[in-house]
Protein backbone atom coordinates (compact mmCIF):
# COMPACT_ATOMS: atom_id res chain seq x y z
CA MET A 1 150.31 33.85 138.89
CA GLN A 2 147.55 32.02 140.75
CA ALA A 3 148.92 28.66 139.57
CA THR A 4 152.38 29.56 140.85
CA ARG A 5 151.00 30.59 144.24
CA GLN A 6 149.06 27.32 144.42
CA ARG A 7 152.16 25.31 143.55
CA PHE A 8 154.16 27.11 146.25
CA ALA A 9 151.40 26.43 148.78
CA ALA A 10 151.12 22.75 147.82
CA LEU A 11 154.86 22.16 148.11
CA GLN A 12 155.05 24.05 151.40
CA ALA A 13 152.16 21.96 152.77
CA GLN A 14 153.87 18.73 151.68
CA ALA A 15 157.11 19.88 153.28
CA ALA A 16 155.38 20.82 156.53
CA HIS A 17 153.60 17.46 156.62
CA ALA A 18 156.91 15.66 156.01
CA GLY A 19 158.87 17.83 158.45
CA VAL A 20 161.15 19.12 155.69
CA ALA A 21 162.49 22.66 155.92
CA LEU A 22 162.35 24.65 152.70
CA ARG A 23 163.78 28.05 151.95
CA PRO A 24 161.08 30.68 151.33
CA PRO A 25 159.82 30.90 147.74
CA PRO A 26 160.93 33.90 145.70
CA PRO A 27 158.99 37.11 146.37
CA GLU A 28 156.66 38.46 143.72
CA PRO A 29 158.09 41.45 141.84
CA THR A 30 156.87 44.89 142.81
CA THR A 31 158.78 46.94 140.24
CA CYS A 32 157.14 45.91 136.94
CA CYS A 33 156.35 48.93 134.78
CA GLY A 34 153.81 47.02 132.66
CA ARG A 35 155.45 47.91 129.34
CA GLY A 36 156.42 44.36 128.32
CA CYS A 37 160.14 44.99 128.62
CA ASN A 38 162.65 42.49 127.30
CA GLY A 39 163.99 40.90 130.48
CA CYS A 40 160.93 41.85 132.53
CA VAL A 41 161.14 41.27 136.27
CA TRP A 42 158.36 38.69 135.84
CA GLU A 43 160.61 36.59 133.59
CA GLY A 44 163.17 36.47 136.38
CA PHE A 45 160.49 35.68 138.93
CA TYR A 46 159.09 32.76 136.94
CA ALA A 47 162.61 31.38 136.36
CA ALA A 48 163.30 31.63 140.11
CA ALA A 49 159.91 30.08 140.88
CA GLN A 50 160.66 27.12 138.61
CA TRP A 51 164.03 26.61 140.30
CA TRP A 52 162.44 26.86 143.77
CA CYS A 53 159.81 24.25 142.86
CA GLU A 54 162.46 21.88 141.50
CA ASP A 55 164.59 22.40 144.61
CA ALA A 56 161.58 21.78 146.88
CA GLN A 57 160.65 18.61 144.98
CA GLY A 58 164.24 17.43 145.30
CA ALA A 59 164.19 18.01 149.05
CA LEU A 60 160.92 16.10 149.35
CA ALA A 61 162.32 13.21 147.28
CA GLN A 62 165.27 12.71 149.66
CA PRO A 63 165.06 9.78 152.07
CA GLY A 64 162.87 10.91 154.94
CA GLY A 65 161.54 13.76 152.82
CA GLY A 66 158.06 12.40 152.53
CA PRO A 67 156.10 11.28 149.49
CA SER A 68 157.38 12.40 146.11
């Protein structure tokens, strides 16, 4: 989880430096029961986090989006 938070922070800092607006990253789940369920809320979170990071990198790669 720490690595994901750090990645969010790094991309948000790059976007702020480049003047690029990003949507907020996905919120961390608060409803995990800790039983290792198939389809755990954490699986959905990490999938959404990956998509958010790819979307943020795409926005930063656009002309005027700052360094890629």
